[in-house]
All heavy atoms as atom14 arrays in JSON, in Angstrom:
{
  "sequence": "IKEVKDEIFSLRMQQATGNLEKPSRLHELRKDVARMKTILAE",
  "atom14_mask": [
    [1, 1, 1, 1, 1, 1, 1, 1, 0, 0, 0, 0, 0, 0],
    [1, 1, 1, 1, 1, 1, 1, 1, 1, 0, 0, 0, 0, 0],
    [1, 1, 1, 1, 1, 1, 1, 1, 1, 0, 0, 0, 0, 0],
    [1, 1, 1, 1, 1, 1, 1, 0, 0, 0, 0, 0, 0, 0],
    [1, 1, 1, 1, 1, 1, 1, 1, 1, 0, 0, 0, 0, 0],
    [1, 1, 1, 1, 1, 1, 1, 1, 0, 0, 0, 0, 0, 0],
    [1, 1, 1, 1, 1, 1, 1, 1, 1, 0, 0, 0, 0, 0],
    [1, 1, 1, 1, 1, 1, 1, 1, 0, 0, 0, 0, 0, 0],
    [1, 1, 1, 1, 1, 1, 1, 1, 1, 1, 1, 0, 0, 0],
    [1, 1, 1, 1, 1, 1, 0, 0, 0, 0, 0, 0, 0, 0],
    [1, 1, 1, 1, 1, 1, 1, 1, 0, 0, 0, 0, 0, 0],
    [1, 1, 1, 1, 1, 1, 1, 1, 1, 1, 1, 0, 0, 0],
    [1, 1, 1, 1, 1, 1, 1, 1, 0, 0, 0, 0, 0, 0],
    [1, 1, 1, 1, 1, 1, 1, 1, 1, 0, 0, 0, 0, 0],
    [1, 1, 1, 1, 1, 1, 1, 1, 1, 0, 0, 0, 0, 0],
    [1, 1, 1, 1, 1, 0, 0, 0, 0, 0, 0, 0, 0, 0],
    [1, 1, 1, 1, 1, 1, 1, 0, 0, 0, 0, 0, 0, 0],
    [1, 1, 1, 1, 0, 0, 0, 0, 0, 0, 0, 0, 0, 0],
    [1, 1, 1, 1, 1, 1, 1, 1, 0, 0, 0, 0, 0, 0],
    [1, 1, 1, 1, 1, 1, 1, 1, 0, 0, 0, 0, 0, 0],
    [1, 1, 1, 1, 1, 1, 1, 1, 1, 0, 0, 0, 0, 0],
    [1, 1, 1, 1, 1, 1, 1, 1, 1, 0, 0, 0, 0, 0],
    [1, 1, 1, 1, 1, 1, 1, 0, 0, 0, 0, 0, 0, 0],
    [1, 1, 1, 1, 1, 1, 0, 0, 0, 0, 0, 0, 0, 0],
    [1, 1, 1, 1, 1, 1, 1, 1, 1, 1, 1, 0, 0, 0],
    [1, 1, 1, 1, 1, 1, 1, 1, 0, 0, 0, 0, 0, 0],
    [1, 1, 1, 1, 1, 1, 1, 1, 1, 1, 0, 0, 0, 0],
    [1, 1, 1, 1, 1, 1, 1, 1, 1, 0, 0, 0, 0, 0],
    [1, 1, 1, 1, 1, 1, 1, 1, 0, 0, 0, 0, 0, 0],
    [1, 1, 1, 1, 1, 1, 1, 1, 1, 1, 1, 0, 0, 0],
    [1, 1, 1, 1, 1, 1, 1, 1, 1, 0, 0, 0, 0, 0],
    [1, 1, 1, 1, 1, 1, 1, 1, 0, 0, 0, 0, 0, 0],
    [1, 1, 1, 1, 1, 1, 1, 0, 0, 0, 0, 0, 0, 0],
    [1, 1, 1, 1, 1, 0, 0, 0, 0, 0, 0, 0, 0, 0],
    [1, 1, 1, 1, 1, 1, 1, 1, 1, 1, 1, 0, 0, 0],
    [1, 1, 1, 1, 1, 1, 1, 1, 0, 0, 0, 0, 0, 0],
    [1, 1, 1, 1, 1, 1, 1, 1, 1, 0, 0, 0, 0, 0],
    [1, 1, 1, 1, 1, 1, 1, 0, 0, 0, 0, 0, 0, 0],
    [1, 1, 1, 1, 1, 1, 1, 1, 0, 0, 0, 0, 0, 0],
    [1, 1, 1, 1, 1, 1, 1, 1, 0, 0, 0, 0, 0, 0],
    [1, 1, 1, 1, 1, 0, 0, 0, 0, 0, 0, 0, 0, 0],
    [1, 1, 1, 1, 1, 1, 1, 1, 1, 0, 0, 0, 0, 0]
  ],
  "atom14_positions": [
    [[0.27, 16.49, 3.75], [0.54, 16.68, 2.33], [1.83, 15.98, 1.94], [1.89, 15.27, 0.94], [0.6, 18.18, 1.97], [-0.79, 18.8, 2.01], [1.21, 18.38, 0.57], [-0.81, 20.31, 1.84], [0.0, 0.0, 0.0], [0.0, 0.0, 0.0], [0.0, 0.0, 0.0], [0.0, 0.0, 0.0], [0.0, 0.0, 0.0], [0.0, 0.0, 0.0]],
    [[2.86, 16.15, 2.76], [4.14, 15.5, 2.47], [4.0, 13.98, 2.48], [4.51, 13.29, 1.59], [5.2, 15.94, 3.48], [6.56, 15.33, 3.23], [7.61, 15.9, 4.12], [8.96, 15.28, 3.98], [9.21, 14.37, 2.9], [0.0, 0.0, 0.0], [0.0, 0.0, 0.0], [0.0, 0.0, 0.0], [0.0, 0.0, 0.0], [0.0, 0.0, 0.0]],
    [[3.27, 13.48, 3.45], [3.05, 12.03, 3.56], [2.31, 11.49, 2.34], [2.69, 10.46, 1.77], [2.24, 11.78, 4.83], [1.91, 10.35, 5.13], [1.06, 10.26, 6.4], [1.4, 10.91, 7.41], [0.05, 9.52, 6.35], [0.0, 0.0, 0.0], [0.0, 0.0, 0.0], [0.0, 0.0, 0.0], [0.0, 0.0, 0.0], [0.0, 0.0, 0.0]],
    [[1.27, 12.2, 1.91], [0.48, 11.76, 0.77], [1.3, 11.83, -0.52], [1.22, 10.95, -1.37], [-0.83, 12.58, 0.66], [-1.55, 12.29, -0.64], [-1.74, 12.29, 1.84], [0.0, 0.0, 0.0], [0.0, 0.0, 0.0], [0.0, 0.0, 0.0], [0.0, 0.0, 0.0], [0.0, 0.0, 0.0], [0.0, 0.0, 0.0], [0.0, 0.0, 0.0]],
    [[2.11, 12.88, -0.66], [2.96, 13.0, -1.85], [3.97, 11.85, -1.92], [4.26, 11.35, -3.0], [3.67, 14.34, -1.87], [2.76, 15.47, -2.32], [3.55, 16.74, -2.54], [2.67, 17.81, -3.12], [3.44, 19.0, -3.5], [0.0, 0.0, 0.0], [0.0, 0.0, 0.0], [0.0, 0.0, 0.0], [0.0, 0.0, 0.0], [0.0, 0.0, 0.0]],
    [[4.48, 11.43, -0.77], [5.38, 10.28, -0.74], [4.65, 9.01, -1.2], [5.2, 8.19, -1.94], [5.97, 10.08, 0.65], [6.97, 11.14, 1.04], [7.49, 11.84, 0.13], [7.25, 11.27, 2.25], [0.0, 0.0, 0.0], [0.0, 0.0, 0.0], [0.0, 0.0, 0.0], [0.0, 0.0, 0.0], [0.0, 0.0, 0.0], [0.0, 0.0, 0.0]],
    [[3.4, 8.88, -0.76], [2.62, 7.71, -1.17], [2.32, 7.75, -2.67], [2.37, 6.72, -3.35], [1.31, 7.65, -0.37], [0.52, 6.4, -0.63], [-0.73, 6.27, 0.23], [-0.9, 7.06, 1.17], [-1.53, 5.36, -0.07], [0.0, 0.0, 0.0], [0.0, 0.0, 0.0], [0.0, 0.0, 0.0], [0.0, 0.0, 0.0], [0.0, 0.0, 0.0]],
    [[2.03, 8.94, -3.19], [1.8, 9.09, -4.63], [3.04, 8.67, -5.41], [2.95, 7.95, -6.41], [1.4, 10.55, -4.99], [0.0, 10.85, -4.47], [1.46, 10.77, -6.5], [-0.4, 12.31, -4.59], [0.0, 0.0, 0.0], [0.0, 0.0, 0.0], [0.0, 0.0, 0.0], [0.0, 0.0, 0.0], [0.0, 0.0, 0.0], [0.0, 0.0, 0.0]],
    [[4.21, 9.09, -4.93], [5.45, 8.72, -5.6], [5.61, 7.2, -5.63], [5.95, 6.61, -6.66], [6.64, 9.37, -4.88], [7.97, 9.0, -5.49], [8.41, 9.6, -6.65], [8.77, 8.05, -4.88], [9.61, 9.25, -7.21], [9.99, 7.69, -5.43], [10.41, 8.29, -6.61], [0.0, 0.0, 0.0], [0.0, 0.0, 0.0], [0.0, 0.0, 0.0]],
    [[5.34, 6.58, -4.5], [5.46, 5.13, -4.4], [4.49, 4.44, -5.37], [4.86, 3.48, -6.06], [5.17, 4.68, -2.97], [5.12, 3.3, -2.88], [0.0, 0.0, 0.0], [0.0, 0.0, 0.0], [0.0, 0.0, 0.0], [0.0, 0.0, 0.0], [0.0, 0.0, 0.0], [0.0, 0.0, 0.0], [0.0, 0.0, 0.0], [0.0, 0.0, 0.0]],
    [[3.27, 4.93, -5.44], [2.28, 4.34, -6.34], [2.67, 4.55, -7.8], [2.44, 3.67, -8.64], [0.9, 4.92, -6.06], [0.25, 4.52, -4.74], [-1.05, 5.27, -4.53], [0.03, 3.02, -4.66], [0.0, 0.0, 0.0], [0.0, 0.0, 0.0], [0.0, 0.0, 0.0], [0.0, 0.0, 0.0], [0.0, 0.0, 0.0], [0.0, 0.0, 0.0]],
    [[3.25, 5.69, -8.11], [3.69, 5.94, -9.48], [4.81, 4.99, -9.88], [4.89, 4.55, -11.03], [4.12, 7.39, -9.65], [2.92, 8.34, -9.65], [3.32, 9.78, -9.84], [3.96, 9.96, -11.14], [4.91, 10.87, -11.37], [5.33, 11.64, -10.4], [5.43, 10.98, -12.57], [0.0, 0.0, 0.0], [0.0, 0.0, 0.0], [0.0, 0.0, 0.0]],
    [[5.68, 4.65, -8.93], [6.73, 3.68, -9.22], [6.12, 2.29, -9.47], [6.55, 1.57, -10.37], [7.73, 3.6, -8.07], [8.61, 4.8, -7.91], [9.63, 5.08, -9.35], [8.97, 6.63, -9.92], [0.0, 0.0, 0.0], [0.0, 0.0, 0.0], [0.0, 0.0, 0.0], [0.0, 0.0, 0.0], [0.0, 0.0, 0.0], [0.0, 0.0, 0.0]],
    [[5.11, 1.95, -8.69], [4.43, 0.67, -8.9], [3.75, 0.65, -10.27], [3.76, -0.37, -10.96], [3.38, 0.44, -7.81], [3.95, 0.12, -6.46], [2.86, -0.06, -5.42], [1.72, -0.34, -5.75], [3.23, 0.1, -4.15], [0.0, 0.0, 0.0], [0.0, 0.0, 0.0], [0.0, 0.0, 0.0], [0.0, 0.0, 0.0], [0.0, 0.0, 0.0]],
    [[3.17, 1.79, -10.64], [2.5, 1.88, -11.92], [3.5, 1.71, -13.07], [3.22, 1.03, -14.05], [1.79, 3.23, -12.05], [0.96, 3.38, -13.3], [0.23, 4.71, -13.33], [0.75, 5.71, -12.86], [-0.96, 4.72, -13.88], [0.0, 0.0, 0.0], [0.0, 0.0, 0.0], [0.0, 0.0, 0.0], [0.0, 0.0, 0.0], [0.0, 0.0, 0.0]],
    [[4.67, 2.29, -12.93], [5.7, 2.2, -13.96], [6.19, 0.77, -14.15], [6.54, 0.37, -15.26], [6.86, 3.12, -13.62], [0.0, 0.0, 0.0], [0.0, 0.0, 0.0], [0.0, 0.0, 0.0], [0.0, 0.0, 0.0], [0.0, 0.0, 0.0], [0.0, 0.0, 0.0], [0.0, 0.0, 0.0], [0.0, 0.0, 0.0], [0.0, 0.0, 0.0]],
    [[6.21, 0.01, -13.06], [6.67, -1.38, -13.15], [5.53, -2.35, -13.44], [5.76, -3.54, -13.58], [7.38, -1.81, -11.86], [6.48, -1.69, -10.76], [8.61, -0.96, -11.6], [0.0, 0.0, 0.0], [0.0, 0.0, 0.0], [0.0, 0.0, 0.0], [0.0, 0.0, 0.0], [0.0, 0.0, 0.0], [0.0, 0.0, 0.0], [0.0, 0.0, 0.0]],
    [[4.31, -1.83, -13.49], [3.16, -2.68, -13.8], [2.6, -3.42, -12.61], [1.84, -4.37, -12.78], [0.0, 0.0, 0.0], [0.0, 0.0, 0.0], [0.0, 0.0, 0.0], [0.0, 0.0, 0.0], [0.0, 0.0, 0.0], [0.0, 0.0, 0.0], [0.0, 0.0, 0.0], [0.0, 0.0, 0.0], [0.0, 0.0, 0.0], [0.0, 0.0, 0.0]],
    [[2.94, -3.01, -11.4], [2.48, -3.71, -10.19], [1.35, -2.98, -9.45], [0.99, -3.39, -8.36], [3.65, -3.9, -9.22], [4.71, -4.8, -9.8], [4.41, -5.66, -10.6], [5.94, -4.58, -9.39], [0.0, 0.0, 0.0], [0.0, 0.0, 0.0], [0.0, 0.0, 0.0], [0.0, 0.0, 0.0], [0.0, 0.0, 0.0], [0.0, 0.0, 0.0]],
    [[0.82, -1.93, -10.03], [-0.21, -1.15, -9.35], [-1.55, -1.87, -9.44], [-2.06, -2.13, -10.52], [-0.31, 0.25, -9.97], [-1.25, 1.23, -9.3], [-0.83, 1.47, -7.86], [-1.28, 2.54, -10.06], [0.0, 0.0, 0.0], [0.0, 0.0, 0.0], [0.0, 0.0, 0.0], [0.0, 0.0, 0.0], [0.0, 0.0, 0.0], [0.0, 0.0, 0.0]],
    [[-2.12, -2.22, -8.28], [-3.37, -2.97, -8.25], [-4.6, -2.07, -8.29], [-5.64, -2.47, -8.79], [-3.42, -3.84, -7.0], [-2.4, -4.96, -7.01], [-2.52, -5.86, -5.81], [-3.55, -5.81, -5.12], [-1.57, -6.61, -5.56], [0.0, 0.0, 0.0], [0.0, 0.0, 0.0], [0.0, 0.0, 0.0], [0.0, 0.0, 0.0], [0.0, 0.0, 0.0]],
    [[-4.49, -0.86, -7.75], [-5.66, 0.01, -7.66], [-5.3, 1.4, -8.23], [-4.96, 2.32, -7.48], [-6.09, 0.12, -6.2], [-7.44, 0.74, -6.0], [-7.87, 0.66, -4.55], [-9.18, 1.39, -4.35], [-9.55, 1.45, -2.95], [0.0, 0.0, 0.0], [0.0, 0.0, 0.0], [0.0, 0.0, 0.0], [0.0, 0.0, 0.0], [0.0, 0.0, 0.0]],
    [[-5.39, 1.57, -9.53], [-5.01, 2.84, -10.16], [-5.85, 4.03, -9.69], [-5.38, 5.17, -9.68], [-5.24, 2.6, -11.65], [-5.29, 1.13, -11.82], [-5.76, 0.56, -10.51], [0.0, 0.0, 0.0], [0.0, 0.0, 0.0], [0.0, 0.0, 0.0], [0.0, 0.0, 0.0], [0.0, 0.0, 0.0], [0.0, 0.0, 0.0], [0.0, 0.0, 0.0]],
    [[-7.07, 3.77, -9.26], [-7.92, 4.86, -8.81], [-7.38, 5.53, -7.54], [-7.72, 6.67, -7.24], [-9.34, 4.37, -8.56], [-9.36, 3.4, -7.54], [0.0, 0.0, 0.0], [0.0, 0.0, 0.0], [0.0, 0.0, 0.0], [0.0, 0.0, 0.0], [0.0, 0.0, 0.0], [0.0, 0.0, 0.0], [0.0, 0.0, 0.0], [0.0, 0.0, 0.0]],
    [[-6.54, 4.83, -6.82], [-5.95, 5.38, -5.58], [-5.11, 6.61, -5.89], [-5.1, 7.56, -5.11], [-5.11, 4.3, -4.89], [-4.5, 4.72, -3.6], [-5.51, 4.71, -2.47], [-4.83, 5.04, -1.25], [-5.27, 5.94, -0.38], [-6.41, 6.54, -0.56], [-4.58, 6.2, 0.71], [0.0, 0.0, 0.0], [0.0, 0.0, 0.0], [0.0, 0.0, 0.0]],
    [[-4.41, 6.61, -7.02], [-3.62, 7.78, -7.42], [-4.51, 9.0, -7.56], [-4.18, 10.08, -7.08], [-2.91, 7.52, -8.75], [-1.57, 6.83, -8.69], [-1.11, 6.45, -10.08], [-0.55, 7.69, -8.02], [0.0, 0.0, 0.0], [0.0, 0.0, 0.0], [0.0, 0.0, 0.0], [0.0, 0.0, 0.0], [0.0, 0.0, 0.0], [0.0, 0.0, 0.0]],
    [[-5.63, 8.82, -8.22], [-6.58, 9.92, -8.43], [-7.11, 10.44, -7.09], [-7.16, 11.65, -6.86], [-7.73, 9.44, -9.31], [-8.77, 10.48, -9.6], [-8.54, 11.54, -10.45], [-10.02, 10.63, -9.14], [-9.62, 12.29, -10.5], [-10.54, 11.75, -9.7], [0.0, 0.0, 0.0], [0.0, 0.0, 0.0], [0.0, 0.0, 0.0], [0.0, 0.0, 0.0]],
    [[-7.46, 9.54, -6.2], [-7.98, 9.92, -4.89], [-6.95, 10.74, -4.11], [-7.29, 11.75, -3.49], [-8.33, 8.67, -4.07], [-9.48, 7.87, -4.59], [-9.62, 6.54, -3.87], [-8.97, 6.34, -2.82], [-10.37, 5.68, -4.37], [0.0, 0.0, 0.0], [0.0, 0.0, 0.0], [0.0, 0.0, 0.0], [0.0, 0.0, 0.0], [0.0, 0.0, 0.0]],
    [[-5.7, 10.29, -4.14], [-4.66, 10.98, -3.37], [-4.37, 12.37, -3.93], [-4.15, 13.32, -3.18], [-3.38, 10.13, -3.34], [-3.46, 8.85, -2.53], [-2.18, 8.05, -2.67], [-3.75, 9.14, -1.07], [0.0, 0.0, 0.0], [0.0, 0.0, 0.0], [0.0, 0.0, 0.0], [0.0, 0.0, 0.0], [0.0, 0.0, 0.0], [0.0, 0.0, 0.0]],
    [[-4.37, 12.48, -5.26], [-4.14, 13.81, -5.85], [-5.26, 14.77, -5.47], [-5.01, 15.95, -5.19], [-4.02, 13.7, -7.37], [-2.69, 13.13, -7.82], [-2.4, 13.39, -9.27], [-3.46, 12.93, -10.15], [-3.47, 11.77, -10.81], [-2.45, 10.94, -10.67], [-4.48, 11.45, -11.59], [0.0, 0.0, 0.0], [0.0, 0.0, 0.0], [0.0, 0.0, 0.0]],
    [[-6.49, 14.28, -5.43], [-7.63, 15.1, -5.01], [-7.48, 15.52, -3.55], [-7.78, 16.66, -3.19], [-8.94, 14.34, -5.19], [-9.33, 14.12, -6.61], [-9.93, 15.37, -7.19], [-10.59, 15.05, -8.51], [-11.34, 16.18, -9.03], [0.0, 0.0, 0.0], [0.0, 0.0, 0.0], [0.0, 0.0, 0.0], [0.0, 0.0, 0.0], [0.0, 0.0, 0.0]],
    [[-7.01, 14.59, -2.7], [-6.79, 14.91, -1.28], [-5.76, 16.03, -1.12], [-5.96, 16.95, -0.32], [-6.32, 13.68, -0.51], [-7.44, 12.69, -0.25], [-8.63, 13.05, -0.43], [-7.14, 11.54, 0.14], [0.0, 0.0, 0.0], [0.0, 0.0, 0.0], [0.0, 0.0, 0.0], [0.0, 0.0, 0.0], [0.0, 0.0, 0.0], [0.0, 0.0, 0.0]],
    [[-4.68, 15.96, -1.88], [-3.65, 17.0, -1.81], [-4.25, 18.33, -2.23], [-4.02, 19.37, -1.59], [-2.42, 16.64, -2.68], [-1.48, 17.83, -2.81], [-1.68, 15.45, -2.09], [0.0, 0.0, 0.0], [0.0, 0.0, 0.0], [0.0, 0.0, 0.0], [0.0, 0.0, 0.0], [0.0, 0.0, 0.0], [0.0, 0.0, 0.0], [0.0, 0.0, 0.0]],
    [[-5.05, 18.34, -3.29], [-5.68, 19.58, -3.76], [-6.61, 20.15, -2.68], [-6.61, 21.37, -2.45], [-6.45, 19.31, -5.04], [0.0, 0.0, 0.0], [0.0, 0.0, 0.0], [0.0, 0.0, 0.0], [0.0, 0.0, 0.0], [0.0, 0.0, 0.0], [0.0, 0.0, 0.0], [0.0, 0.0, 0.0], [0.0, 0.0, 0.0], [0.0, 0.0, 0.0]],
    [[-7.37, 19.29, -2.02], [-8.26, 19.76, -0.95], [-7.47, 20.41, 0.18], [-7.83, 21.46, 0.69], [-9.08, 18.6, -0.4], [-10.2, 18.17, -1.25], [-11.05, 17.1, -0.55], [-11.9, 16.45, -1.5], [-11.67, 15.24, -2.01], [-10.63, 14.54, -1.62], [-12.49, 14.71, -2.89], [0.0, 0.0, 0.0], [0.0, 0.0, 0.0], [0.0, 0.0, 0.0]],
    [[-6.37, 19.74, 0.57], [-5.57, 20.26, 1.67], [-4.93, 21.6, 1.31], [-4.91, 22.52, 2.12], [-4.5, 19.23, 2.07], [-5.08, 18.03, 2.78], [-3.83, 16.89, 3.37], [-3.86, 15.66, 2.08], [0.0, 0.0, 0.0], [0.0, 0.0, 0.0], [0.0, 0.0, 0.0], [0.0, 0.0, 0.0], [0.0, 0.0, 0.0], [0.0, 0.0, 0.0]],
    [[-4.44, 21.71, 0.09], [-3.82, 22.96, -0.34], [-4.86, 24.08, -0.41], [-4.56, 25.23, -0.09], [-3.14, 22.78, -1.7], [-1.85, 22.02, -1.6], [-1.15, 21.98, -2.95], [0.22, 21.36, -2.83], [0.93, 21.37, -4.13], [0.0, 0.0, 0.0], [0.0, 0.0, 0.0], [0.0, 0.0, 0.0], [0.0, 0.0, 0.0], [0.0, 0.0, 0.0]],
    [[-6.08, 23.75, -0.82], [-7.15, 24.74, -0.88], [-7.46, 25.27, 0.52], [-7.62, 26.47, 0.72], [-8.41, 24.13, -1.51], [-8.11, 23.72, -2.84], [-9.57, 25.13, -1.53], [0.0, 0.0, 0.0], [0.0, 0.0, 0.0], [0.0, 0.0, 0.0], [0.0, 0.0, 0.0], [0.0, 0.0, 0.0], [0.0, 0.0, 0.0], [0.0, 0.0, 0.0]],
    [[-7.55, 24.37, 1.48], [-7.84, 24.78, 2.86], [-6.71, 25.63, 3.41], [-6.95, 26.63, 4.1], [-8.16, 23.56, 3.73], [-9.49, 22.96, 3.29], [-8.19, 23.92, 5.22], [-9.83, 21.63, 3.9], [0.0, 0.0, 0.0], [0.0, 0.0, 0.0], [0.0, 0.0, 0.0], [0.0, 0.0, 0.0], [0.0, 0.0, 0.0], [0.0, 0.0, 0.0]],
    [[-5.47, 25.28, 3.11], [-4.32, 26.09, 3.56], [-4.41, 27.49, 2.95], [-4.15, 28.49, 3.64], [-3.01, 25.43, 3.18], [-2.6, 24.22, 4.0], [-1.3, 23.64, 3.44], [-2.43, 24.57, 5.46], [0.0, 0.0, 0.0], [0.0, 0.0, 0.0], [0.0, 0.0, 0.0], [0.0, 0.0, 0.0], [0.0, 0.0, 0.0], [0.0, 0.0, 0.0]],
    [[-4.79, 27.58, 1.68], [-4.9, 28.88, 1.02], [-6.02, 29.71, 1.65], [-5.86, 30.93, 1.84], [-5.16, 28.69, -0.47], [0.0, 0.0, 0.0], [0.0, 0.0, 0.0], [0.0, 0.0, 0.0], [0.0, 0.0, 0.0], [0.0, 0.0, 0.0], [0.0, 0.0, 0.0], [0.0, 0.0, 0.0], [0.0, 0.0, 0.0], [0.0, 0.0, 0.0]],
    [[-7.12, 29.07, 2.0], [-8.22, 29.77, 2.66], [-7.77, 30.33, 4.0], [-8.14, 31.45, 4.38], [-9.39, 28.82, 2.89], [-10.15, 28.45, 1.65], [-11.21, 27.4, 1.9], [-11.32, 26.89, 3.05], [-11.94, 27.07, 0.96], [0.0, 0.0, 0.0], [0.0, 0.0, 0.0], [0.0, 0.0, 0.0], [0.0, 0.0, 0.0], [0.0, 0.0, 0.0]]
  ]
}
């Protein structure tokens, strides 16, 4: 989760500067974090 959140931060910085090539990756990573948190809660 920590690793993925760091990657999300990096991608958001790329998005802010206009250098993000694959915007869908942000969505995928956020979904992954949600899945992991759900499993931890279970």
